[in-house]
Amino acid sequence: VVKTVDIGSIQENDIVTYKKGGTLVTHRVVDLVDQN
């Protein structure tokens, strides 16, 4: 059961669900990357 969140509230080690193409993936965040 996934709760809607903003990316700014996600921390390293959280488990998130995201869209990858037409698939939903539930994996752990291992790193936060600042890109531009």
Full PDB file with SEQRES, HELIX, SHEET, SSBOND, CRYST1, ORIGX, SCALE, CONECT and MASTER records, all heavy atoms in Angstrom:
SEQRES   1 A   36  VAL VAL LYS THR VAL ASP ILE GLY SER ILE GLN GLU ASN          
SEQRES   2 A   36  ASP ILE VAL THR TYR LYS LYS GLY GLY THR LEU VAL THR          
SEQRES   3 A   36  HIS ARG VAL VAL ASP LEU VAL ASP GLN ASN                      
HELIX    1 AA1 ILE A    7  SER A    9  5                                   3    
SHEET    1 AA1 2 ILE A  15  LYS A  20  0                                        
SHEET    2 AA1 2 THR A  23  ARG A  28 -1                                        
CRYST1    1.000    1.000    1.000  90.00  90.00  90.00 P 1           1          
ORIGX1      1.000000  0.000000  0.000000        0.00000                         
ORIGX2      0.000000  1.000000  0.000000        0.00000                         
ORIGX3      0.000000  0.000000  1.000000        0.00000                         
SCALE1      1.000000  0.000000  0.000000        0.00000                         
SCALE2      0.000000  1.000000  0.000000        0.00000                         
SCALE3      0.000000  0.000000  1.000000        0.00000                         
ATOM      1  N   VAL A   1       0.874  -1.164   0.000  1.00  0.00           N  
ATOM      2  CA  VAL A   1       0.000   0.000   0.000  1.00  0.00           C  
ATOM      3  C   VAL A   1       0.912   1.214   0.000  1.00  0.00           C  
ATOM      4  O   VAL A   1       1.728   1.403   0.898  1.00  0.00           O  
ATOM      5  CB  VAL A   1      -0.946  -0.006   1.215  1.00  0.00           C  
ATOM      6  CG1 VAL A   1      -1.811   1.235   1.214  1.00  0.00           C  
ATOM      7  CG2 VAL A   1      -1.803  -1.265   1.209  1.00  0.00           C  
ATOM      8  N   VAL A   2       0.776   2.009  -1.044  1.00  0.00           N  
ATOM      9  CA  VAL A   2       1.653   3.147  -1.297  1.00  0.00           C  
ATOM     10  C   VAL A   2       0.879   4.436  -1.075  1.00  0.00           C  
ATOM     11  O   VAL A   2      -0.272   4.557  -1.482  1.00  0.00           O  
ATOM     12  CB  VAL A   2       2.194   3.067  -2.747  1.00  0.00           C  
ATOM     13  CG1 VAL A   2       3.035   4.260  -3.086  1.00  0.00           C  
ATOM     14  CG2 VAL A   2       2.975   1.780  -2.952  1.00  0.00           C  
ATOM     15  N   LYS A   3       1.515   5.393  -0.407  1.00  0.00           N  
ATOM     16  CA  LYS A   3       0.928   6.711  -0.132  1.00  0.00           C  
ATOM     17  C   LYS A   3       1.594   7.736  -1.046  1.00  0.00           C  
ATOM     18  O   LYS A   3       2.817   7.756  -1.188  1.00  0.00           O  
ATOM     19  CB  LYS A   3       1.151   7.076   1.339  1.00  0.00           C  
ATOM     20  CG  LYS A   3       0.700   8.454   1.729  1.00  0.00           C  
ATOM     21  CD  LYS A   3      -0.799   8.542   1.838  1.00  0.00           C  
ATOM     22  CE  LYS A   3      -1.201   9.910   2.374  1.00  0.00           C  
ATOM     23  NZ  LYS A   3      -2.430  10.380   1.863  1.00  0.00           N  
ATOM     24  N   THR A   4       0.804   8.583  -1.651  1.00  0.00           N  
ATOM     25  CA  THR A   4       1.327   9.634  -2.516  1.00  0.00           C  
ATOM     26  C   THR A   4       2.261  10.548  -1.732  1.00  0.00           C  
ATOM     27  O   THR A   4       1.921  10.983  -0.627  1.00  0.00           O  
ATOM     28  CB  THR A   4       0.176  10.471  -3.100  1.00  0.00           C  
ATOM     29  OG1 THR A   4      -0.745   9.598  -3.732  1.00  0.00           O  
ATOM     30  CG2 THR A   4       0.684  11.492  -4.095  1.00  0.00           C  
ATOM     31  N   VAL A   5       3.450  10.813  -2.282  1.00  0.00           N  
ATOM     32  CA  VAL A   5       4.422  11.701  -1.645  1.00  0.00           C  
ATOM     33  C   VAL A   5       5.096  12.566  -2.702  1.00  0.00           C  
ATOM     34  O   VAL A   5       5.091  12.255  -3.879  1.00  0.00           O  
ATOM     35  CB  VAL A   5       5.520  10.923  -0.867  1.00  0.00           C  
ATOM     36  CG1 VAL A   5       4.945  10.171   0.296  1.00  0.00           C  
ATOM     37  CG2 VAL A   5       6.296  10.008  -1.774  1.00  0.00           C  
ATOM     38  N   ASP A   6       5.690  13.638  -2.225  1.00  0.00           N  
ATOM     39  CA  ASP A   6       6.493  14.503  -3.070  1.00  0.00           C  
ATOM     40  C   ASP A   6       7.926  13.984  -3.030  1.00  0.00           C  
ATOM     41  O   ASP A   6       8.389  13.501  -2.000  1.00  0.00           O  
ATOM     42  CB  ASP A   6       6.417  15.942  -2.539  1.00  0.00           C  
ATOM     43  CG  ASP A   6       7.191  16.901  -3.401  1.00  0.00           C  
ATOM     44  OD1 ASP A   6       6.816  17.099  -4.563  1.00  0.00           O  
ATOM     45  OD2 ASP A   6       8.196  17.450  -2.894  1.00  0.00           O  
ATOM     46  N   ILE A   7       8.660  14.098  -4.125  1.00  0.00           N  
ATOM     47  CA  ILE A   7      10.030  13.589  -4.177  1.00  0.00           C  
ATOM     48  C   ILE A   7      10.921  14.240  -3.118  1.00  0.00           C  
ATOM     49  O   ILE A   7      11.864  13.627  -2.626  1.00  0.00           O  
ATOM     50  CB  ILE A   7      10.645  13.734  -5.595  1.00  0.00           C  
ATOM     51  CG1 ILE A   7      11.930  12.895  -5.695  1.00  0.00           C  
ATOM     52  CG2 ILE A   7      10.904  15.195  -5.934  1.00  0.00           C  
ATOM     53  CD1 ILE A   7      12.443  12.702  -7.099  1.00  0.00           C  
ATOM     54  N   GLY A   8      10.595  15.468  -2.715  1.00  0.00           N  
ATOM     55  CA  GLY A   8      11.393  16.165  -1.702  1.00  0.00           C  
ATOM     56  C   GLY A   8      11.326  15.518  -0.322  1.00  0.00           C  
ATOM     57  O   GLY A   8      12.214  15.721   0.504  1.00  0.00           O  
ATOM     58  N   SER A   9      10.277  14.736  -0.068  1.00  0.00           N  
ATOM     59  CA  SER A   9      10.148  14.091   1.246  1.00  0.00           C  
ATOM     60  C   SER A   9      10.760  12.688   1.281  1.00  0.00           C  
ATOM     61  O   SER A   9      10.802  12.061   2.330  1.00  0.00           O  
ATOM     62  CB  SER A   9       8.674  14.012   1.642  1.00  0.00           C  
ATOM     63  OG  SER A   9       7.982  13.157   0.760  1.00  0.00           O  
ATOM     64  N   ILE A  10      11.237  12.220   0.141  1.00  0.00           N  
ATOM     65  CA  ILE A  10      11.804  10.872   0.073  1.00  0.00           C  
ATOM     66  C   ILE A  10      13.249  10.904   0.553  1.00  0.00           C  
ATOM     67  O   ILE A  10      14.033  11.779   0.186  1.00  0.00           O  
ATOM     68  CB  ILE A  10      11.710  10.316  -1.364  1.00  0.00           C  
ATOM     69  CG1 ILE A  10      10.239  10.177  -1.757  1.00  0.00           C  
ATOM     70  CG2 ILE A  10      12.438   8.986  -1.474  1.00  0.00           C  
ATOM     71  CD1 ILE A  10      10.014   9.823  -3.204  1.00  0.00           C  
ATOM     72  N   GLN A  11      13.580   9.934   1.392  1.00  0.00           N  
ATOM     73  CA  GLN A  11      14.929   9.809   1.959  1.00  0.00           C  
ATOM     74  C   GLN A  11      15.595   8.534   1.445  1.00  0.00           C  
ATOM     75  O   GLN A  11      14.917   7.621   0.976  1.00  0.00           O  
ATOM     76  CB  GLN A  11      14.847   9.739   3.492  1.00  0.00           C  
ATOM     77  CG  GLN A  11      14.160  10.911   4.145  1.00  0.00           C  
ATOM     78  CD  GLN A  11      14.982  12.180   4.032  1.00  0.00           C  
ATOM     79  OE1 GLN A  11      16.191  12.155   4.220  1.00  0.00           O  
ATOM     80  NE2 GLN A  11      14.337  13.283   3.716  1.00  0.00           N  
ATOM     81  N   GLU A  12      16.898   8.491   1.585  1.00  0.00           N  
ATOM     82  CA  GLU A  12      17.632   7.282   1.268  1.00  0.00           C  
ATOM     83  C   GLU A  12      17.116   6.164   2.178  1.00  0.00           C  
ATOM     84  O   GLU A  12      16.822   6.387   3.340  1.00  0.00           O  
ATOM     85  CB  GLU A  12      19.130   7.516   1.499  1.00  0.00           C  
ATOM     86  CG  GLU A  12      20.010   6.447   0.909  1.00  0.00           C  
ATOM     87  CD  GLU A  12      21.481   6.812   1.004  1.00  0.00           C  
ATOM     88  OE1 GLU A  12      21.842   7.953   0.635  1.00  0.00           O  
ATOM     89  OE2 GLU A  12      22.252   5.940   1.454  1.00  0.00           O  
ATOM     90  N   ASN A  13      16.965   4.989   1.637  1.00  0.00           N  
ATOM     91  CA  ASN A  13      16.484   3.784   2.328  1.00  0.00           C  
ATOM     92  C   ASN A  13      14.954   3.641   2.303  1.00  0.00           C  
ATOM     93  O   ASN A  13      14.436   2.626   2.726  1.00  0.00           O  
ATOM     94  CB  ASN A  13      17.007   3.690   3.760  1.00  0.00           C  
ATOM     95  CG  ASN A  13      17.484   2.298   4.080  1.00  0.00           C  
ATOM     96  OD1 ASN A  13      17.719   1.488   3.187  1.00  0.00           O  
ATOM     97  ND2 ASN A  13      17.608   2.005   5.354  1.00  0.00           N  
ATOM     98  N   ASP A  14      14.216   4.685   1.839  1.00  0.00           N  
ATOM     99  CA  ASP A  14      12.768   4.562   1.683  1.00  0.00           C  
ATOM    100  C   ASP A  14      12.466   3.595   0.544  1.00  0.00           C  
ATOM    101  O   ASP A  14      13.258   3.444  -0.394  1.00  0.00           O  
ATOM    102  CB  ASP A  14      12.125   5.914   1.347  1.00  0.00           C  
ATOM    103  CG  ASP A  14      12.067   6.859   2.526  1.00  0.00           C  
ATOM    104  OD1 ASP A  14      12.387   6.431   3.659  1.00  0.00           O  
ATOM    105  OD2 ASP A  14      11.707   8.037   2.304  1.00  0.00           O  
ATOM    106  N   ILE A  15      11.315   2.966   0.613  1.00  0.00           N  
ATOM    107  CA  ILE A  15      10.859   2.109  -0.483  1.00  0.00           C  
ATOM    108  C   ILE A  15       9.798   2.893  -1.242  1.00  0.00           C  
ATOM    109  O   ILE A  15       8.831   3.385  -0.652  1.00  0.00           O  
ATOM    110  CB  ILE A  15      10.297   0.778   0.049  1.00  0.00           C  
ATOM    111  CG1 ILE A  15      11.406   0.001   0.756  1.00  0.00           C  
ATOM    112  CG2 ILE A  15       9.686  -0.040  -1.083  1.00  0.00           C  
ATOM    113  CD1 ILE A  15      10.951  -1.271   1.450  1.00  0.00           C  
ATOM    114  N   VAL A  16      10.013   3.037  -2.547  1.00  0.00           N  
ATOM    115  CA  VAL A  16       9.117   3.838  -3.383  1.00  0.00           C  
ATOM    116  C   VAL A  16       8.592   3.004  -4.548  1.00  0.00           C  
ATOM    117  O   VAL A  16       9.204   2.022  -4.949  1.00  0.00           O  
ATOM    118  CB  VAL A  16       9.824   5.108  -3.931  1.00  0.00           C  
ATOM    119  CG1 VAL A  16      10.231   6.029  -2.807  1.00  0.00           C  
ATOM    120  CG2 VAL A  16      10.998   4.758  -4.806  1.00  0.00           C  
ATOM    121  N   THR A  17       7.468   3.439  -5.072  1.00  0.00           N  
ATOM    122  CA  THR A  17       6.931   2.869  -6.301  1.00  0.00           C  
ATOM    123  C   THR A  17       6.991   3.953  -7.360  1.00  0.00           C  
ATOM    124  O   THR A  17       6.611   5.094  -7.110  1.00  0.00           O  
ATOM    125  CB  THR A  17       5.481   2.385  -6.106  1.00  0.00           C  
ATOM    126  OG1 THR A  17       5.472   1.367  -5.106  1.00  0.00           O  
ATOM    127  CG2 THR A  17       4.898   1.835  -7.384  1.00  0.00           C  
ATOM    128  N   TYR A  18       7.511   3.567  -8.526  1.00  0.00           N  
ATOM    129  CA  TYR A  18       7.634   4.532  -9.610  1.00  0.00           C  
ATOM    130  C   TYR A  18       7.269   3.881 -10.936  1.00  0.00           C  
ATOM    131  O   TYR A  18       7.232   2.658 -11.063  1.00  0.00           O  
ATOM    132  CB  TYR A  18       9.042   5.129  -9.661  1.00  0.00           C  
ATOM    133  CG  TYR A  18      10.148   4.131  -9.967  1.00  0.00           C  
ATOM    134  CD1 TYR A  18      10.578   3.931 -11.277  1.00  0.00           C  
ATOM    135  CD2 TYR A  18      10.769   3.412  -8.958  1.00  0.00           C  
ATOM    136  CE1 TYR A  18      11.592   3.022 -11.561  1.00  0.00           C  
ATOM    137  CE2 TYR A  18      11.778   2.513  -9.230  1.00  0.00           C  
ATOM    138  CZ  TYR A  18      12.183   2.321 -10.535  1.00  0.00           C  
ATOM    139  OH  TYR A  18      13.182   1.409 -10.816  1.00  0.00           O  
ATOM    140  N   LYS A  19       6.956   4.758 -11.902  1.00  0.00           N  
ATOM    141  CA  LYS A  19       6.613   4.294 -13.244  1.00  0.00           C  
ATOM    142  C   LYS A  19       7.887   4.164 -14.066  1.00  0.00           C  
ATOM    143  O   LYS A  19       8.712   5.076 -14.110  1.00  0.00           O  
ATOM    144  CB  LYS A  19       5.691   5.299 -13.935  1.00  0.00           C  
ATOM    145  CG  LYS A  19       4.345   5.443 -13.305  1.00  0.00           C  
ATOM    146  CD  LYS A  19       3.531   6.493 -14.032  1.00  0.00           C  
ATOM    147  CE  LYS A  19       2.323   6.897 -13.238  1.00  0.00           C  
ATOM    148  NZ  LYS A  19       1.590   7.993 -13.856  1.00  0.00           N  
ATOM    149  N   LYS A  20       8.016   3.027 -14.700  1.00  0.00           N  
ATOM    150  CA  LYS A  20       9.131   2.795 -15.623  1.00  0.00           C  
ATOM    151  C   LYS A  20       8.508   2.259 -16.901  1.00  0.00           C  
ATOM    152  O   LYS A  20       8.183   1.076 -16.993  1.00  0.00           O  
ATOM    153  CB  LYS A  20      10.121   1.797 -15.032  1.00  0.00           C  
ATOM    154  CG  LYS A  20      11.335   1.577 -15.882  1.00  0.00           C  
ATOM    155  CD  LYS A  20      12.314   0.643 -15.197  1.00  0.00           C  
ATOM    156  CE  LYS A  20      13.558   0.489 -16.040  1.00  0.00           C  
ATOM    157  NZ  LYS A  20      14.520  -0.410 -15.398  1.00  0.00           N  
ATOM    158  N   GLY A  21       8.297   3.165 -17.860  1.00  0.00           N  
ATOM    159  CA  GLY A  21       7.549   2.792 -19.055  1.00  0.00           C  
ATOM    160  C   GLY A  21       6.104   2.528 -18.664  1.00  0.00           C  
ATOM    161  O   GLY A  21       5.481   3.312 -17.976  1.00  0.00           O  
ATOM    162  N   GLY A  22       5.585   1.370 -19.018  1.00  0.00           N  
ATOM    163  CA  GLY A  22       4.221   1.002 -18.661  1.00  0.00           C  
ATOM    164  C   GLY A  22       4.153   0.132 -17.418  1.00  0.00           C  
ATOM    165  O   GLY A  22       3.116  -0.437 -17.117  1.00  0.00           O  
ATOM    166  N   THR A  23       5.264   0.040 -16.693  1.00  0.00           N  
ATOM    167  CA  THR A  23       5.339  -0.845 -15.527  1.00  0.00           C  
ATOM    168  C   THR A  23       5.503  -0.036 -14.251  1.00  0.00           C  
ATOM    169  O   THR A  23       6.124   1.021 -14.252  1.00  0.00           O  
ATOM    170  CB  THR A  23       6.555  -1.789 -15.673  1.00  0.00           C  
ATOM    171  OG1 THR A  23       6.464  -2.470 -16.920  1.00  0.00           O  
ATOM    172  CG2 THR A  23       6.618  -2.801 -14.559  1.00  0.00           C  
ATOM    173  N   LEU A  24       4.961  -0.557 -13.167  1.00  0.00           N  
ATOM    174  CA  LEU A  24       5.189   0.033 -11.852  1.00  0.00           C  
ATOM    175  C   LEU A  24       6.241  -0.808 -11.143  1.00  0.00           C  
ATOM    176  O   LEU A  24       6.152  -2.030 -11.110  1.00  0.00           O  
ATOM    177  CB  LEU A  24       3.900   0.063 -11.034  1.00  0.00           C  
ATOM    178  CG  LEU A  24       2.808   0.984 -11.559  1.00  0.00           C  
ATOM    179  CD1 LEU A  24       1.533   0.811 -10.756  1.00  0.00           C  
ATOM    180  CD2 LEU A  24       3.256   2.427 -11.524  1.00  0.00           C  
ATOM    181  N   VAL A  25       7.236  -0.132 -10.569  1.00  0.00           N  
ATOM    182  CA  VAL A  25       8.338  -0.803  -9.886  1.00  0.00           C  
ATOM    183  C   VAL A  25       8.378  -0.314  -8.444  1.00  0.00           C  
ATOM    184  O   VAL A  25       8.302   0.887  -8.185  1.00  0.00           O  
ATOM    185  CB  VAL A  25       9.689  -0.480 -10.580  1.00  0.00           C  
ATOM    186  CG1 VAL A  25      10.849  -1.141  -9.852  1.00  0.00           C  
ATOM    187  CG2 VAL A  25       9.656  -0.896 -12.045  1.00  0.00           C  
ATOM    188  N   THR A  26       8.509  -1.253  -7.505  1.00  0.00           N  
ATOM    189  CA  THR A  26       8.637  -0.911  -6.088  1.00  0.00           C  
ATOM    190  C   THR A  26      10.017  -1.352  -5.629  1.00  0.00           C  
ATOM    191  O   THR A  26      10.289  -2.551  -5.532  1.00  0.00           O  
ATOM    192  CB  THR A  26       7.541  -1.598  -5.243  1.00  0.00           C  
ATOM    193  OG1 THR A  26       6.260  -1.173  -5.726  1.00  0.00           O  
ATOM    194  CG2 THR A  26       7.669  -1.233  -3.777  1.00  0.00           C  
ATOM    195  N   HIS A  27      10.901  -0.386  -5.403  1.00  0.00           N  
ATOM    196  CA  HIS A  27      12.289  -0.660  -4.997  1.00  0.00           C  
ATOM    197  C   HIS A  27      12.731   0.341  -3.943  1.00  0.00           C  
ATOM    198  O   HIS A  27      12.097   1.363  -3.716  1.00  0.00           O  
ATOM    199  CB  HIS A  27      13.232  -0.609  -6.196  1.00  0.00           C  
ATOM    200  CG  HIS A  27      13.218  -1.859  -7.024  1.00  0.00           C  
ATOM    201  ND1 HIS A  27      13.894  -1.952  -8.217  1.00  0.00           N  
ATOM    202  CD2 HIS A  27      12.635  -3.070  -6.842  1.00  0.00           C  
ATOM    203  CE1 HIS A  27      13.721  -3.163  -8.729  1.00  0.00           C  
ATOM    204  NE2 HIS A  27      12.946  -3.852  -7.904  1.00  0.00           N  
ATOM    205  N   ARG A  28      13.868   0.046  -3.349  1.00  0.00           N  
ATOM    206  CA  ARG A  28      14.436   0.883  -2.292  1.00  0.00           C  
ATOM    207  C   ARG A  28      15.308   1.986  -2.897  1.00  0.00           C  
ATOM    208  O   ARG A  28      16.026   1.764  -3.865  1.00  0.00           O  
ATOM    209  CB  ARG A  28      15.284   0.017  -1.357  1.00  0.00           C  
ATOM    210  CG  ARG A  28      15.765   0.757  -0.118  1.00  0.00           C  
ATOM    211  CD  ARG A  28      16.525  -0.166   0.828  1.00  0.00           C  
ATOM    212  NE  ARG A  28      15.768  -1.349   1.226  1.00  0.00           N  
ATOM    213  CZ  ARG A  28      14.862  -1.386   2.189  1.00  0.00           C  
ATOM    214  NH1 ARG A  28      14.576  -0.279   2.868  1.00  0.00           N  
ATOM    215  NH2 ARG A  28      14.243  -2.510   2.489  1.00  0.00           N  
ATOM    216  N   VAL A  29      15.255   3.183  -2.292  1.00  0.00           N  
ATOM    217  CA  VAL A  29      16.109   4.298  -2.703  1.00  0.00           C  
ATOM    218  C   VAL A  29      17.486   4.070  -2.066  1.00  0.00           C  
ATOM    219  O   VAL A  29      17.595   3.969  -0.847  1.00  0.00           O  
ATOM    220  CB  VAL A  29      15.528   5.657  -2.241  1.00  0.00           C  
ATOM    221  CG1 VAL A  29      16.482   6.795  -2.566  1.00  0.00           C  
ATOM    222  CG2 VAL A  29      14.164   5.885  -2.866  1.00  0.00           C  
ATOM    223  N   VAL A  30      18.501   3.959  -2.912  1.00  0.00           N  
ATOM    224  CA  VAL A  30      19.858   3.738  -2.388  1.00  0.00           C  
ATOM    225  C   VAL A  30      20.706   4.998  -2.427  1.00  0.00           C  
ATOM    226  O   VAL A  30      21.741   5.072  -1.772  1.00  0.00           O  
ATOM    227  CB  VAL A  30      20.576   2.577  -3.117  1.00  0.00           C  
ATOM    228  CG1 VAL A  30      19.887   1.254  -2.819  1.00  0.00           C  
ATOM    229  CG2 VAL A  30      20.659   2.822  -4.620  1.00  0.00           C  
ATOM    230  N   ASP A  31      20.247   6.007  -3.197  1.00  0.00           N  
ATOM    231  CA  ASP A  31      21.005   7.252  -3.268  1.00  0.00           C  
ATOM    232  C   ASP A  31      20.118   8.366  -3.809  1.00  0.00           C  
ATOM    233  O   ASP A  31      19.247   8.145  -4.644  1.00  0.00           O  
ATOM    234  CB  ASP A  31      22.220   7.064  -4.185  1.00  0.00           C  
ATOM    235  CG  ASP A  31      23.246   8.178  -4.064  1.00  0.00           C  
ATOM    236  OD1 ASP A  31      23.206   8.941  -3.067  1.00  0.00           O  
ATOM    237  OD2 ASP A  31      24.113   8.291  -4.959  1.00  0.00           O  
ATOM    238  N   LEU A  32      20.332   9.579  -3.293  1.00  0.00           N  
ATOM    239  CA  LEU A  32      19.689  10.781  -3.815  1.00  0.00           C  
ATOM    240  C   LEU A  32      20.740  11.515  -4.627  1.00  0.00           C  
ATOM    241  O   LEU A  32      21.804  11.860  -4.115  1.00  0.00           O  
ATOM    242  CB  LEU A  32      19.184  11.663  -2.677  1.00  0.00           C  
ATOM    243  CG  LEU A  32      18.164  11.031  -1.732  1.00  0.00           C  
ATOM    244  CD1 LEU A  32      17.906  11.922  -0.530  1.00  0.00           C  
ATOM    245  CD2 LEU A  32      16.867  10.743  -2.444  1.00  0.00           C  
ATOM    246  N   VAL A  33      20.451  11.764  -5.888  1.00  0.00           N  
ATOM    247  CA  VAL A  33      21.421  12.368  -6.793  1.00  0.00           C  
ATOM    248  C   VAL A  33      20.939  13.761  -7.188  1.00  0.00           C  
ATOM    249  O   VAL A  33      19.816  13.929  -7.647  1.00  0.00           O  
ATOM    250  CB  VAL A  33      21.603  11.490  -8.056  1.00  0.00           C  
ATOM    251  CG1 VAL A  33      22.588  12.116  -9.016  1.00  0.00           C  
ATOM    252  CG2 VAL A  33      22.007  10.076  -7.680  1.00  0.00           C  
ATOM    253  N   ASP A  34      21.806  14.760  -6.996  1.00  0.00           N  
ATOM    254  CA  ASP A  34      21.494  16.124  -7.413  1.00  0.00           C  
ATOM    255  C   ASP A  34      22.057  16.314  -8.818  1.00  0.00           C  
ATOM    256  O   ASP A  34      23.271  16.280  -9.024  1.00  0.00           O  
ATOM    257  CB  ASP A  34      22.118  17.134  -6.455  1.00  0.00           C  
ATOM    258  CG  ASP A  34      21.694  18.562  -6.768  1.00  0.00           C  
ATOM    259  OD1 ASP A  34      21.237  18.819  -7.901  1.00  0.00           O  
ATOM    260  OD2 ASP A  34      21.828  19.415  -5.878  1.00  0.00           O  
ATOM    261  N   GLN A  35      21.163  16.502  -9.785  1.00  0.00           N  
ATOM    262  CA  GLN A  35      21.586  16.672 -11.171  1.00  0.00           C  
ATOM    263  C   GLN A  35      21.023  17.994 -11.693  1.00  0.00           C  
ATOM    264  O   GLN A  35      19.826  18.120 -11.932  1.00  0.00           O  
ATOM    265  CB  GLN A  35      21.082  15.488 -12.002  1.00  0.00           C  
ATOM    266  CG  GLN A  35      21.798  15.334 -13.324  1.00  0.00           C  
ATOM    267  CD  GLN A  35      21.392  14.031 -13.988  1.00  0.00           C  
ATOM    268  OE1 GLN A  35      20.268  13.922 -14.462  1.00  0.00           O  
ATOM    269  NE2 GLN A  35      22.291  13.067 -14.024  1.00  0.00           N  
ATOM    270  N   ASN A  36      21.885  18.987 -11.791  1.00  0.00           N  
ATOM    271  CA  ASN A  36      21.490  20.328 -12.249  1.00  0.00           C  
ATOM    272  C   ASN A  36      20.374  20.912 -11.379  1.00  0.00           C  
ATOM    273  O   ASN A  36      19.414  21.486 -11.877  1.00  0.00           O  
ATOM    274  CB  ASN A  36      21.061  20.310 -13.715  1.00  0.00           C  
ATOM    275  CG  ASN A  36      22.161  19.841 -14.638  1.00  0.00           C  
ATOM    276  OD1 ASN A  36      23.339  20.108 -14.402  1.00  0.00           O  
ATOM    277  ND2 ASN A  36      21.786  19.114 -15.677  1.00  0.00           N  
TER     278      ASN A  36                                                      
MASTER        0    0    0    1    2    0    0    6  277    1    0    3          
END                                                                             
